Structures are given as C-alpha cells and as structure tokens.
C-alpha atoms as a PDB file:
ATOM      1  CA  MET A   1      47.323  23.686-159.652  1.00  0.00           C
ATOM      2  CA  PRO A   2      47.738  21.320-156.667  1.00  0.00           C
ATOM      3  CA  THR A   3      46.934  17.641-157.163  1.00  0.00           C
ATOM      4  CA  ILE A   4      45.917  14.730-154.943  1.00  0.00           C
ATOM      5  CA  HIS A   5      49.621  13.820-154.820  1.00  0.00           C
ATOM      6  CA  ASP A   6      50.384  17.285-153.410  1.00  0.00           C
ATOM      7  CA  ILE A   7      47.662  16.946-150.781  1.00  0.00           C
ATOM      8  CA  SER A   8      49.023  13.539-149.808  1.00  0.00           C
ATOM      9  CA  ARG A   9      52.534  14.860-149.385  1.00  0.00           C
ATOM     10  CA  HIS A  10      51.390  18.001-147.540  1.00  0.00           C
ATOM     11  CA  SER A  11      49.110  16.130-145.121  1.00  0.00           C
ATOM     12  CA  GLY A  12      51.265  13.036-144.626  1.00  0.00           C
ATOM     13  CA  VAL A  13      48.315  10.842-145.601  1.00  0.00           C
ATOM     14  CA  SER A  14      48.325   8.236-148.385  1.00  0.00           C
ATOM     15  CA  LYS A  15      46.849   9.116-151.789  1.00  0.00           C
ATOM     16  CA  SER A  16      44.185   6.435-151.424  1.00  0.00           C
ATOM     17  CA  THR A  17      43.059   7.953-148.118  1.00  0.00           C
ATOM     18  CA  VAL A  18      43.014  11.420-149.675  1.00  0.00           C
ATOM     19  CA  SER A  19      40.825  10.074-152.462  1.00  0.00           C
ATOM     20  CA  ARG A  20      38.426   8.475-149.972  1.00  0.00           C
ATOM     21  CA  VAL A  21      38.112  11.730-148.031  1.00  0.00           C
ATOM     22  CA  LEU A  22      37.473  13.781-151.180  1.00  0.00           C
ATOM     23  CA  ASN A  23      34.830  11.291-152.318  1.00  0.00           C
ATOM     24  CA  ASP A  24      33.213  11.185-148.872  1.00  0.00           C
ATOM     25  CA  HIS A  25      33.768   7.448-148.418  1.00  0.00           C
ATOM     26  CA  PRO A  26      33.222   5.783-145.033  1.00  0.00           C
ATOM     27  CA  HIS A  27      35.947   4.157-142.938  1.00  0.00           C
ATOM     28  CA  VAL A  28      38.282   7.163-142.699  1.00  0.00           C
ATOM     29  CA  SER A  29      39.425   8.221-139.249  1.00  0.00           C
ATOM     30  CA  LYS A  30      38.581  11.714-138.037  1.00  0.00           C
ATOM     31  CA  GLU A  31      42.295  12.464-137.665  1.00  0.00           C
ATOM     32  CA  SER A  32      43.068  11.567-141.284  1.00  0.00           C
ATOM     33  CA  ARG A  33      40.011  13.424-142.558  1.00  0.00           C
ATOM     34  CA  ASP A  34      41.006  16.568-140.645  1.00  0.00           C
ATOM     35  CA  LYS A  35      44.572  16.414-142.016  1.00  0.00           C
ATOM     36  CA  VAL A  36      43.341  16.099-145.580  1.00  0.00           C
ATOM     37  CA  MET A  37      40.818  18.920-145.298  1.00  0.00           C
ATOM     38  CA  ARG A  38      43.446  21.163-143.690  1.00  0.00           C
ATOM     39  CA  ALA A  39      45.775  20.502-146.617  1.00  0.00           C
ATOM     40  CA  VAL A  40      42.944  21.213-149.064  1.00  0.00           C
ATOM     41  CA  ARG A  41      42.418  24.627-147.496  1.00  0.00           C
ATOM     42  CA  GLU A  42      46.099  25.490-147.233  1.00  0.00           C
ATOM     43  CA  LEU A  43      46.870  24.464-150.817  1.00  0.00           C
ATOM     44  CA  GLU A  44      43.623  25.995-152.095  1.00  0.00           C
ATOM     45  CA  TYR A  45      42.847  22.756-153.898  1.00  0.00           C
ATOM     46  CA  VAL A  46      39.915  22.860-156.322  1.00  0.00           C
ATOM     47  CA  ARG A  47      38.477  19.606-157.629  1.00  0.00           C
ATOM     48  CA  ASN A  48      38.103  18.975-161.343  1.00  0.00           C
ATOM     49  CA  ALA A  49      34.370  19.471-161.757  1.00  0.00           C
ATOM     50  CA  ARG A  50      34.260  17.502-165.009  1.00  0.00           C
ATOM     51  CA  GLY A  51      35.893  14.482-163.359  1.00  0.00           C
ATOM     52  CA  VAL A  52      33.591  14.642-160.373  1.00  0.00           C
ATOM     53  CA  GLN A  53      30.550  14.879-162.622  1.00  0.00           C
ATOM     54  CA  LEU A  54      31.615  11.769-164.528  1.00  0.00           C
ATOM     55  CA  ARG A  55      32.159   9.829-161.312  1.00  0.00           C
ATOM     56  CA  LEU A  56      28.832  10.906-159.869  1.00  0.00           C
ATOM     57  CA  GLN A  57      26.897  10.154-163.037  1.00  0.00           C
ATOM     58  CA  SER A  58      24.306   7.431-162.622  1.00  0.00           C
ATOM     59  CA  ASN A  59      25.085   4.130-164.326  1.00  0.00           C
ATOM     60  CA  HIS A  60      21.651   2.623-163.564  1.00  0.00           C
ATOM     61  CA  MET A  61      23.349  -0.426-162.052  1.00  0.00           C
ATOM     62  CA  VAL A  62      21.925  -2.051-158.920  1.00  0.00           C
ATOM     63  CA  GLY A  63      23.903  -4.732-157.130  1.00  0.00           C
ATOM     64  CA  VAL A  64      21.955  -7.594-155.557  1.00  0.00           C
ATOM     65  CA  ILE A  65      23.709  -9.529-152.792  1.00  0.00           C
ATOM     66  CA  VAL A  66      22.740 -13.202-152.469  1.00  0.00           C
ATOM     67  CA  PRO A  67      24.500 -16.033-150.640  1.00  0.00           C
ATOM     68  CA  ASP A  68      24.243 -18.601-153.441  1.00  0.00           C
ATOM     69  CA  LEU A  69      22.102 -18.754-156.586  1.00  0.00           C
ATOM     70  CA  ASN A  70      22.017 -22.512-156.197  1.00  0.00           C
ATOM     71  CA  ARG A  71      19.333 -21.936-153.555  1.00  0.00           C
ATOM     72  CA  PRO A  72      15.945 -21.918-155.377  1.00  0.00           C
ATOM     73  CA  TYR A  73      14.492 -19.191-153.163  1.00  0.00           C
ATOM     74  CA  PHE A  74      17.279 -16.749-154.001  1.00  0.00           C
ATOM     75  CA  SER A  75      17.163 -17.648-157.699  1.00  0.00           C
ATOM     76  CA  GLU A  76      13.470 -16.784-157.751  1.00  0.00           C
ATOM     77  CA  LEU A  77      13.994 -13.604-155.728  1.00  0.00           C
ATOM     78  CA  VAL A  78      16.747 -12.370-158.080  1.00  0.00           C
ATOM     79  CA  SER A  79      14.596 -13.168-161.114  1.00  0.00           C
ATOM     80  CA  VAL A  80      11.638 -11.180-159.785  1.00  0.00           C
ATOM     81  CA  LEU A  81      13.877  -8.282-158.696  1.00  0.00           C
ATOM     82  CA  GLY A  82      15.576  -8.202-162.097  1.00  0.00           C
ATOM     83  CA  LYS A  83      12.281  -8.110-163.986  1.00  0.00           C
ATOM     84  CA  SER A  84      10.884  -5.369-161.758  1.00  0.00           C
ATOM     85  CA  PHE A  85      14.021  -3.230-161.919  1.00  0.00           C
ATOM     86  CA  SER A  86      14.320  -3.576-165.701  1.00  0.00           C
ATOM     87  CA  GLU A  87      10.832  -2.104-166.052  1.00  0.00           C
ATOM     88  CA  HIS A  88      12.267   1.022-164.413  1.00  0.00           C
ATOM     89  CA  GLY A  89      15.407   1.201-166.551  1.00  0.00           C
ATOM     90  CA  LEU A  90      17.698  -0.394-163.965  1.00  0.00           C
ATOM     91  CA  LYS A  91      20.193  -3.183-164.595  1.00  0.00           C
ATOM     92  CA  VAL A  92      20.948  -5.878-162.016  1.00  0.00           C
ATOM     93  CA  VAL A  93      24.426  -7.146-161.166  1.00  0.00           C
ATOM     94  CA  VAL A  94      24.269 -10.249-158.965  1.00  0.00           C
ATOM     95  CA  HIS A  95      26.954 -10.712-156.303  1.00  0.00           C
ATOM     96  CA  GLN A  96      27.132 -14.177-154.719  1.00  0.00           C
ATOM     97  CA  THR A  97      28.889 -14.096-151.342  1.00  0.00           C
ATOM     98  CA  TYR A  98      28.869 -17.856-150.673  1.00  0.00           C
ATOM     99  CA  PHE A  99      28.315 -17.028-146.986  1.00  0.00           C
ATOM    100  CA  SER A 100      31.611 -15.076-146.828  1.00  0.00           C
ATOM    101  CA  ARG A 101      31.871 -11.807-144.899  1.00  0.00           C
ATOM    102  CA  GLU A 102      34.860 -10.795-147.015  1.00  0.00           C
ATOM    103  CA  GLN A 103      32.949 -11.309-150.275  1.00  0.00           C
ATOM    104  CA  GLU A 104      30.071  -9.260-148.896  1.00  0.00           C
ATOM    105  CA  ARG A 105      32.444  -6.515-147.755  1.00  0.00           C
ATOM    106  CA  GLU A 106      33.860  -6.277-151.288  1.00  0.00           C
ATOM    107  CA  VAL A 107      30.403  -5.493-152.657  1.00  0.00           C
ATOM    108  CA  TYR A 108      30.024  -2.579-150.254  1.00  0.00           C
ATOM    109  CA  GLY A 109      33.423  -1.356-151.445  1.00  0.00           C
ATOM    110  CA  LYS A 110      32.159  -1.361-155.036  1.00  0.00           C
ATOM    111  CA  LEU A 111      29.144   0.648-153.923  1.00  0.00           C
ATOM    112  CA  ALA A 112      31.383   3.153-152.139  1.00  0.00           C
ATOM    113  CA  ARG A 113      33.482   3.508-155.321  1.00  0.00           C
ATOM    114  CA  ARG A 114      30.268   4.251-157.219  1.00  0.00           C
ATOM    115  CA  GLU A 115      30.562   1.208-159.460  1.00  0.00           C
ATOM    116  CA  MET A 116      26.803   0.884-158.944  1.00  0.00           C
ATOM    117  CA  ASP A 117      24.033   3.250-157.924  1.00  0.00           C
ATOM    118  CA  ALA A 118      22.619   1.096-155.149  1.00  0.00           C
ATOM    119  CA  VAL A 119      22.704  -2.323-153.570  1.00  0.00           C
ATOM    120  CA  VAL A 120      19.862  -4.608-152.494  1.00  0.00           C
ATOM    121  CA  ILE A 121      20.821  -6.977-149.677  1.00  0.00           C
ATOM    122  CA  THR A 122      18.912 -10.260-149.590  1.00  0.00           C
ATOM    123  CA  HIS A 123      21.238 -11.927-147.085  1.00  0.00           C
ATOM    124  CA  SER A 124      23.946 -10.623-144.779  1.00  0.00           C
ATOM    125  CA  LEU A 125      26.460 -11.908-142.260  1.00  0.00           C
ATOM    126  CA  PHE A 126      26.818  -8.410-140.779  1.00  0.00           C
ATOM    127  CA  SER A 127      24.537  -6.567-138.381  1.00  0.00           C
ATOM    128  CA  GLU A 128      22.447  -3.727-139.777  1.00  0.00           C
ATOM    129  CA  ARG A 129      24.689  -1.166-138.102  1.00  0.00           C
ATOM    130  CA  GLU A 130      27.818  -2.796-139.569  1.00  0.00           C
ATOM    131  CA  VAL A 131      26.289  -2.652-143.042  1.00  0.00           C
ATOM    132  CA  LYS A 132      25.382   1.021-142.581  1.00  0.00           C
ATOM    133  CA  GLU A 133      28.934   1.819-141.496  1.00  0.00           C
ATOM    134  CA  GLN A 134      30.229   0.252-144.706  1.00  0.00           C
ATOM    135  CA  VAL A 135      27.773   1.826-147.158  1.00  0.00           C
ATOM    136  CA  GLY A 136      27.770   5.288-145.589  1.00  0.00           C
ATOM    137  CA  THR A 137      25.393   7.627-147.420  1.00  0.00           C
ATOM    138  CA  ARG A 138      25.073   5.406-150.490  1.00  0.00           C
ATOM    139  CA  VAL A 139      21.725   3.775-151.324  1.00  0.00           C
ATOM    140  CA  ALA A 140      21.295   0.334-149.754  1.00  0.00           C
ATOM    141  CA  LEU A 141      18.027  -1.531-149.196  1.00  0.00           C
ATOM    142  CA  VAL A 142      17.310  -4.840-147.502  1.00  0.00           C
ATOM    143  CA  CYS A 143      14.967  -7.360-149.120  1.00  0.00           C
ATOM    144  CA  ASN A 144      14.441 -10.585-147.133  1.00  0.00           C
ATOM    145  CA  GLU A 145      16.954 -10.201-144.274  1.00  0.00           C
ATOM    146  CA  THR A 146      15.248  -9.483-140.944  1.00  0.00           C
ATOM    147  CA  PHE A 147      17.064  -6.339-139.783  1.00  0.00           C
ATOM    148  CA  PRO A 148      15.431  -3.998-137.222  1.00  0.00           C
ATOM    149  CA  GLY A 149      15.150  -1.151-139.761  1.00  0.00           C
ATOM    150  CA  GLU A 150      16.956   1.433-137.637  1.00  0.00           C
ATOM    151  CA  TRP A 151      19.544   2.367-140.288  1.00  0.00           C
ATOM    152  CA  LEU A 152      18.331   0.947-143.598  1.00  0.00           C
ATOM    153  CA  ASP A 153      15.090   0.431-145.497  1.00  0.00           C
ATOM    154  CA  VAL A 154      14.032  -3.140-144.693  1.00  0.00           C
ATOM    155  CA  PHE A 155      11.428  -5.317-146.416  1.00  0.00           C
ATOM    156  CA  ALA A 156      11.149  -8.803-144.951  1.00  0.00           C
ATOM    157  CA  LEU A 157       8.837 -11.671-144.165  1.00  0.00           C
ATOM    158  CA  ASP A 158       7.822 -12.036-140.528  1.00  0.00           C
ATOM    159  CA  GLU A 159       9.985 -15.136-140.117  1.00  0.00           C
ATOM    160  CA  ALA A 160       9.058 -15.733-136.484  1.00  0.00           C
ATOM    161  CA  ASP A 161       5.345 -15.728-137.273  1.00  0.00           C
ATOM    162  CA  ALA A 162       5.877 -17.953-140.330  1.00  0.00           C
ATOM    163  CA  ILE A 163       7.432 -20.742-138.277  1.00  0.00           C
ATOM    164  CA  TYR A 164       5.005 -20.103-135.419  1.00  0.00           C
ATOM    165  CA  GLN A 165       2.168 -20.858-137.857  1.00  0.00           C
ATOM    166  CA  ALA A 166       3.866 -24.043-139.068  1.00  0.00           C
ATOM    167  CA  ALA A 167       4.675 -25.383-135.600  1.00  0.00           C
ATOM    168  CA  THR A 168       1.250 -24.429-134.235  1.00  0.00           C
ATOM    169  CA  HIS A 169      -0.378 -26.291-137.130  1.00  0.00           C
ATOM    170  CA  LEU A 170       1.401 -29.486-136.067  1.00  0.00           C
ATOM    171  CA  LEU A 171       1.001 -29.040-132.320  1.00  0.00           C
ATOM    172  CA  ALA A 172      -2.732 -28.397-132.732  1.00  0.00           C
ATOM    173  CA  LYS A 173      -2.984 -31.805-134.401  1.00  0.00           C
ATOM    174  CA  GLY A 174      -1.504 -33.448-131.314  1.00  0.00           C
ATOM    175  CA  ARG A 175       2.104 -33.737-132.467  1.00  0.00           C
ATOM    176  CA  ARG A 176       4.449 -33.560-129.503  1.00  0.00           C
ATOM    177  CA  HIS A 177       7.927 -34.407-130.771  1.00  0.00           C
ATOM    178  CA  LEU A 178       8.766 -31.719-133.316  1.00  0.00           C
ATOM    179  CA  ILE A 179      12.127 -30.815-134.778  1.00  0.00           C
ATOM    180  CA  PHE A 180      13.119 -27.582-136.510  1.00  0.00           C
ATOM    181  CA  CYS A 181      15.679 -27.341-139.312  1.00  0.00           C
ATOM    182  CA  MET A 182      17.577 -24.262-140.402  1.00  0.00           C
ATOM    183  CA  ASP A 183      20.284 -23.287-142.848  1.00  0.00           C
ATOM    184  CA  HIS A 184      23.306 -21.344-141.588  1.00  0.00           C
ATOM    185  CA  ARG A 185      22.806 -19.664-138.214  1.00  0.00           C
ATOM    186  CA  THR A 186      21.878 -16.059-139.025  1.00  0.00           C
ATOM    187  CA  PRO A 187      19.590 -13.408-137.479  1.00  0.00           C
ATOM    188  CA  LEU A 188      16.881 -14.568-139.906  1.00  0.00           C
ATOM    189  CA  GLN A 189      17.169 -18.168-138.751  1.00  0.00           C
ATOM    190  CA  ASP A 190      17.209 -17.027-135.129  1.00  0.00           C
ATOM    191  CA  LYS A 191      13.854 -15.326-135.750  1.00  0.00           C
ATOM    192  CA  ARG A 192      12.463 -18.608-137.071  1.00  0.00           C
ATOM    193  CA  TRP A 193      13.721 -20.457-134.005  1.00  0.00           C
ATOM    194  CA  GLU A 194      12.007 -17.892-131.780  1.00  0.00           C
ATOM    195  CA  GLY A 195       8.743 -18.592-133.587  1.00  0.00           C
ATOM    196  CA  PHE A 196       9.199 -22.332-133.084  1.00  0.00           C
ATOM    197  CA  LYS A 197       9.752 -21.864-129.349  1.00  0.00           C
ATOM    198  CA  ALA A 198       6.805 -19.469-129.086  1.00  0.00           C
ATOM    199  CA  ALA A 199       4.478 -22.103-130.544  1.00  0.00           C
ATOM    200  CA  HIS A 200       5.567 -24.563-127.866  1.00  0.00           C
ATOM    201  CA  ARG A 201       5.032 -21.950-125.153  1.00  0.00           C
ATOM    202  CA  HIS A 202       1.521 -21.356-126.494  1.00  0.00           C
ATOM    203  CA  PHE A 203       0.733 -25.027-125.881  1.00  0.00           C
ATOM    204  CA  GLY A 204       2.571 -25.115-122.557  1.00  0.00           C
ATOM    205  CA  LEU A 205       5.188 -27.495-123.934  1.00  0.00           C
ATOM    206  CA  PRO A 206       8.959 -27.533-123.376  1.00  0.00           C
ATOM    207  CA  CYS A 207      11.306 -26.757-126.262  1.00  0.00           C
ATOM    208  CA  THR A 208      15.059 -27.362-126.177  1.00  0.00           C
ATOM    209  CA  GLU A 209      18.077 -26.833-128.421  1.00  0.00           C
ATOM    210  CA  ALA A 210      18.055 -30.592-129.068  1.00  0.00           C
ATOM    211  CA  GLN A 211      15.052 -29.980-131.334  1.00  0.00           C
ATOM    212  CA  SER A 212      17.027 -27.605-133.571  1.00  0.00           C
ATOM    213  CA  PHE A 213      19.266 -28.722-136.450  1.00  0.00           C
ATOM    214  CA  SER A 214      21.407 -26.339-138.529  1.00  0.00           C
ATOM    215  CA  GLY A 215      23.029 -26.822-141.931  1.00  0.00           C
ATOM    216  CA  VAL A 216      19.899 -28.466-143.338  1.00  0.00           C
ATOM    217  CA  HIS A 217      18.696 -26.829-146.539  1.00  0.00           C
ATOM    218  CA  GLN A 218      19.079 -29.008-149.634  1.00  0.00           C
ATOM    219  CA  VAL A 219      17.430 -32.312-150.571  1.00  0.00           C
ATOM    220  CA  GLN A 220      20.489 -34.329-149.585  1.00  0.00           C
ATOM    221  CA  ASP A 221      20.642 -32.568-146.202  1.00  0.00           C
ATOM    222  CA  GLY A 222      17.071 -33.516-145.369  1.00  0.00           C
ATOM    223  CA  TYR A 223      17.555 -37.047-146.633  1.00  0.00           C
ATOM    224  CA  ALA A 224      20.716 -37.643-144.568  1.00  0.00           C
ATOM    225  CA  LEU A 225      19.236 -36.221-141.366  1.00  0.00           C
ATOM    226  CA  GLY A 226      15.961 -38.043-141.991  1.00  0.00           C
ATOM    227  CA  LEU A 227      17.698 -41.419-142.216  1.00  0.00           C
ATOM    228  CA  GLU A 228      19.353 -40.696-138.872  1.00  0.00           C
ATOM    229  CA  LEU A 229      16.198 -39.486-137.126  1.00  0.00           C
ATOM    230  CA  PHE A 230      13.881 -42.186-138.435  1.00  0.00           C
ATOM    231  CA  ALA A 231      16.314 -44.872-137.282  1.00  0.00           C
ATOM    232  CA  SER A 232      16.387 -43.480-133.736  1.00  0.00           C
ATOM    233  CA  ALA A 233      14.365 -44.878-130.852  1.00  0.00           C
ATOM    234  CA  LYS A 234      12.382 -41.640-130.528  1.00  0.00           C
ATOM    235  CA  LYS A 235      11.717 -40.456-134.042  1.00  0.00           C
ATOM    236  CA  PRO A 236       9.973 -37.079-134.493  1.00  0.00           C
ATOM    237  CA  ASP A 237       6.264 -36.997-135.229  1.00  0.00           C
ATOM    238  CA  GLY A 238       6.571 -33.582-136.872  1.00  0.00           C
ATOM    239  CA  ILE A 239       9.273 -31.790-138.879  1.00  0.00           C
ATOM    240  CA  VAL A 240       9.392 -28.074-139.682  1.00  0.00           C
ATOM    241  CA  ALA A 241      11.965 -27.774-142.466  1.00  0.00           C
ATOM    242  CA  GLY A 242      13.671 -24.524-143.452  1.00  0.00           C
ATOM    243  CA  SER A 243      13.124 -25.135-147.168  1.00  0.00           C
ATOM    244  CA  ASP A 244      10.962 -27.192-149.482  1.00  0.00           C
ATOM    245  CA  GLU A 245      14.086 -28.954-150.759  1.00  0.00           C
ATOM    246  CA  ALA A 246      14.997 -30.172-147.272  1.00  0.00           C
ATOM    247  CA  ALA A 247      11.378 -31.213-146.711  1.00  0.00           C
ATOM    248  CA  ALA A 248      11.488 -33.268-149.923  1.00  0.00           C
ATOM    249  CA  GLY A 249      14.630 -34.950-148.599  1.00  0.00           C
ATOM    250  CA  PHE A 250      12.816 -35.864-145.384  1.00  0.00           C
ATOM    251  CA  LEU A 251       9.956 -37.315-147.415  1.00  0.00           C
ATOM    252  CA  ARG A 252      12.378 -39.499-149.345  1.00  0.00           C
ATOM    253  CA  ALA A 253      14.058 -40.647-146.118  1.00  0.00           C
ATOM    254  CA  ALA A 254      10.661 -41.495-144.618  1.00  0.00           C
ATOM    255  CA  LYS A 255       9.862 -43.702-147.589  1.00  0.00           C
ATOM    256  CA  THR A 256      13.265 -45.387-147.354  1.00  0.00           C
ATOM    257  CA  CYS A 257      12.730 -46.111-143.647  1.00  0.00           C
ATOM    258  CA  GLY A 258       9.113 -47.196-143.990  1.00  0.00           C
ATOM    259  CA  VAL A 259       7.774 -44.191-142.071  1.00  0.00           C
ATOM    260  CA  ILE A 260       4.269 -43.219-143.202  1.00  0.00           C
ATOM    261  CA  VAL A 261       3.699 -39.486-143.857  1.00  0.00           C
ATOM    262  CA  PRO A 262       1.705 -37.848-142.360  1.00  0.00           C
ATOM    263  CA  GLU A 263       0.283 -40.576-140.096  1.00  0.00           C
ATOM    264  CA  GLU A 264       3.577 -41.230-138.279  1.00  0.00           C
ATOM    265  CA  THR A 265       5.516 -38.072-139.094  1.00  0.00           C
ATOM    266  CA  ALA A 266       4.141 -34.839-140.561  1.00  0.00           C
ATOM    267  CA  ILE A 267       6.449 -32.638-142.642  1.00  0.00           C
ATOM    268  CA  ILE A 268       6.229 -28.931-143.502  1.00  0.00           C
ATOM    269  CA  GLY A 269       8.470 -27.098-145.978  1.00  0.00           C
ATOM    270  CA  PHE A 270       9.132 -23.419-146.595  1.00  0.00           C
ATOM    271  CA  ASP A 271       8.780 -21.154-149.708  1.00  0.00           C
ATOM    272  CA  ASP A 272       6.051 -22.987-151.691  1.00  0.00           C
ATOM    273  CA  HIS A 273       8.441 -24.015-154.462  1.00  0.00           C
ATOM    274  CA  PRO A 274       6.909 -26.068-157.340  1.00  0.00           C
ATOM    275  CA  ILE A 275       8.676 -29.138-155.902  1.00  0.00           C
ATOM    276  CA  CYS A 276       5.859 -29.218-153.311  1.00  0.00           C
ATOM    277  CA  LEU A 277       3.407 -30.336-155.986  1.00  0.00           C
ATOM    278  CA  VAL A 278       5.422 -33.269-157.351  1.00  0.00           C
ATOM    279  CA  THR A 279       6.152 -35.083-154.080  1.00  0.00           C
ATOM    280  CA  THR A 280       4.031 -37.897-152.652  1.00  0.00           C
ATOM    281  CA  PRO A 281       2.222 -36.741-150.644  1.00  0.00           C
ATOM    282  CA  GLU A 282       2.248 -33.095-151.734  1.00  0.00           C
ATOM    283  CA  LEU A 283       4.083 -30.873-149.260  1.00  0.00           C
ATOM    284  CA  THR A 284       2.457 -28.552-146.781  1.00  0.00           C
ATOM    285  CA  THR A 285       4.563 -25.398-146.861  1.00  0.00           C
ATOM    286  CA  VAL A 286       4.918 -21.761-145.849  1.00  0.00           C
ATOM    287  CA  GLN A 287       4.279 -19.399-148.748  1.00  0.00           C
ATOM    288  CA  ASN A 288       6.574 -16.377-148.885  1.00  0.00           C
ATOM    289  CA  ARG A 289       5.575 -12.930-150.197  1.00  0.00           C
ATOM    290  CA  ILE A 290       8.209 -12.276-152.856  1.00  0.00           C
ATOM    291  CA  ALA A 291       5.916 -10.409-155.267  1.00  0.00           C
ATOM    292  CA  GLU A 292       4.753  -7.909-152.641  1.00  0.00           C
ATOM    293  CA  MET A 293       8.243  -7.418-151.232  1.00  0.00           C
ATOM    294  CA  VAL A 294       9.777  -6.755-154.643  1.00  0.00           C
ATOM    295  CA  ARG A 295       7.021  -4.306-155.561  1.00  0.00           C
ATOM    296  CA  ASP A 296       7.656  -2.271-152.413  1.00  0.00           C
ATOM    297  CA  VAL A 297      11.454  -2.524-152.710  1.00  0.00           C
ATOM    298  CA  THR A 298      11.281  -1.209-156.275  1.00  0.00           C
ATOM    299  CA  GLU A 299       9.128   1.752-155.267  1.00  0.00           C
ATOM    300  CA  CYS A 300      11.416   2.622-152.352  1.00  0.00           C
ATOM    301  CA  LEU A 301      14.570   2.197-154.449  1.00  0.00           C
ATOM    302  CA  ASN A 302      13.301   4.621-157.079  1.00  0.00           C
ATOM    303  CA  ARG A 303      12.539   7.207-154.407  1.00  0.00           C
ATOM    304  CA  ARG A 304      16.001   6.846-152.875  1.00  0.00           C
ATOM    305  CA  LEU A 305      17.698   7.113-156.278  1.00  0.00           C
ATOM    306  CA  ARG A 306      15.774  10.338-156.894  1.00  0.00           C
ATOM    307  CA  GLY A 307      17.314  11.651-153.692  1.00  0.00           C
ATOM    308  CA  GLU A 308      14.175  11.590-151.564  1.00  0.00           C
ATOM    309  CA  ALA A 309      15.233  11.526-147.916  1.00  0.00           C
ATOM    310  CA  SER A 310      13.103  10.163-145.088  1.00  0.00           C
ATOM    311  CA  ALA A 311      13.397   7.924-142.059  1.00  0.00           C
ATOM    312  CA  PRO A 312      14.292   4.299-142.848  1.00  0.00           C
ATOM    313  CA  MET A 313      11.276   2.250-143.906  1.00  0.00           C
ATOM    314  CA  LEU A 314      10.489  -1.040-142.166  1.00  0.00           C
ATOM    315  CA  ARG A 315       7.866  -3.270-143.748  1.00  0.00           C
ATOM    316  CA  SER A 316       6.971  -6.768-142.553  1.00  0.00           C
ATOM    317  CA  TYR A 317       4.964  -9.344-144.509  1.00  0.00           C
ATOM    318  CA  LYS A 318       2.803 -12.104-143.069  1.00  0.00           C
ATOM    319  CA  ALA A 319       3.418 -15.583-144.444  1.00  0.00           C
ATOM    320  CA  VAL A 320       0.619 -17.933-145.502  1.00  0.00           C
ATOM    321  CA  LEU A 321       0.554 -21.586-144.466  1.00  0.00           C
ATOM    322  CA  VAL A 322      -0.513 -23.769-147.406  1.00  0.00           C
ATOM    323  CA  GLY A 323      -1.910 -27.082-146.162  1.00  0.00           C
ATOM    324  CA  ARG A 324      -1.371 -30.194-148.283  1.00  0.00           C
ATOM    325  CA  GLY A 325      -1.041 -33.938-147.811  1.00  0.00           C
ATOM    326  CA  SER A 326       2.218 -34.093-145.823  1.00  0.00           C
ATOM    327  CA  SER A 327       0.632 -32.764-142.629  1.00  0.00           C
END
C-alpha cells in the first residue's frame, strides 16, 4: 500500500506539502497540489480512514486571539466568552499575540492543523482577506475587530459612531480644542479617528493629525501625555481617550498640573470599566456592548460548528455614552 512518503517521492514534492494537500490546508500552490493529486491517482493511494476520522474528530477547543490580557477590556471579553462557551460544552484556549503578526499567524496554523475546532479573533494585524487566506475553510469568527464582513462572520462595536458620540458631546458644550488618543494604529483605531473627524465636520470645525496621539492606552500613558499637554501654551479643553485607564491617567495629570476637570478640560474614557467610578470626578465614558456581542458570537459559532453554511454575518452594535462628572 503506497504511503505519503511514496507520494512525495513520486510527485517530487515534500512530505509536509503532501500532507497539507491531503488535509486540504491553505497556502499550497496550484502546481504542487496538481502534482500531489496526480501521484495519488497514479499510485492509487487510499487514505487510512481511521486516522482521518481521529484527526477530524472534534476536540471542543476554541482558540481566542487577544493582543494582551493585561488590557482590561480584553480580559473582560475573554472572561465573558469563556463563560458563554463553557455553557455550550466548549473550552477556551487563549492566544496572546502581543501585537505580533508572526504570533497571530501561528494561531491560524494551529487551526489549520485541527488543534482546535475554531478560532475567535478579537484583534488582528492582518486584513480580513489575509485572515481568510490563512484559515481557509476552517471556522473563524471575529468579535470586536472592525472587519468589513466580506469573508468572515464579524461582530463589532460601531467604533466610528462611538467616538463621534464622545466628540460631539464635547463640541456641543463649546469645547474647541479636542485631542484624540488611540492605542496601536489598526483598522479599528482608524474607524475611531474617522468618527472624531466626522464630529468636527458636523460642527464645521477643522480637524488635523496634530490632534491625534497613538500609543496611549494605559494609566501611565495618559499621565505622561497629560503632563506634556497641560504644560503647553495651548492645552486642550477636551480629551477623548481610547480607554478608561488612559483617561484616569489624564485625570491624575490634570490634578498634578492644577488643571480643573471638567471646567478647564473635559475628559472622556472608553469601555465603562469600574475604574470610572473611583476617580474624582467620576469618568464620562463610552459603554461597549460585550454581553450582546458574545451572545451573538456564541450562537453563530455553534451554527458554524454544526456545519451550517451561509453568507458571512456582519453585525454592528451601537455604543452608549455614559455621562459623569469629568465632562
């Protein structure tokens, strides 16, 4: 009986490539695939059904890709996903990429090798099409990242509208020197920036790149930037922070510099983390929709794991602005 080694030798293709072709993995050239399948026919190769069955057997494992669990939002999201999935007999394996494309790519490789039944992507440094090319026909859903939904099921907050609400809230109060803070530059953050600019257009006001600051997410980031901004000749009268932690850092910097919040500078956070309730004043923030997203992701994931095929699902969630003392 011919083996994979025989197919490799007959086709002139490596054994690993032969294995990928036989397991229908992505990232195999048409030329290599044709050579392997020709050798399969000529050698009358028949796969070991028992081995295939074992490999295809569900392990009830779902990988969840996050950039860093040190970020409170992602910690909460993973916790809610894990609880929801466990109620459906699924186990969660968390993969932290630390904002590395290579680390993220490795997770898709594990999915292709069937080390897990599916993957839920909460953050990505690839485009939606690039992700689809890597996962092939395997089950992959997006929860939080703002992809267009052309190739994958996507469940995400309307990030542009969320920041539009925050900036509009400040501009409507007469603030005219706003700044916007983001984490790493990603498609999600670009959506937020678009919302910030749209709010300025609505009021007929200019908006420039000088109002945007990246790499600002944690308390120390907001504090350091706040010290710099509040010491400048033209300090902002409104700050839209990309996280509640950064907003808390700005509050601390304002106190250090003698800037009164909100009279001199208003501050808005993002996510409605409990930290908002222990600052002085309490933080105005944008409330995300984690519970609703996770509910819908879980329902969709179960359908996909049952083999139900349909066009990719795209669901957007509207954020809620929670007004408190900082604005």
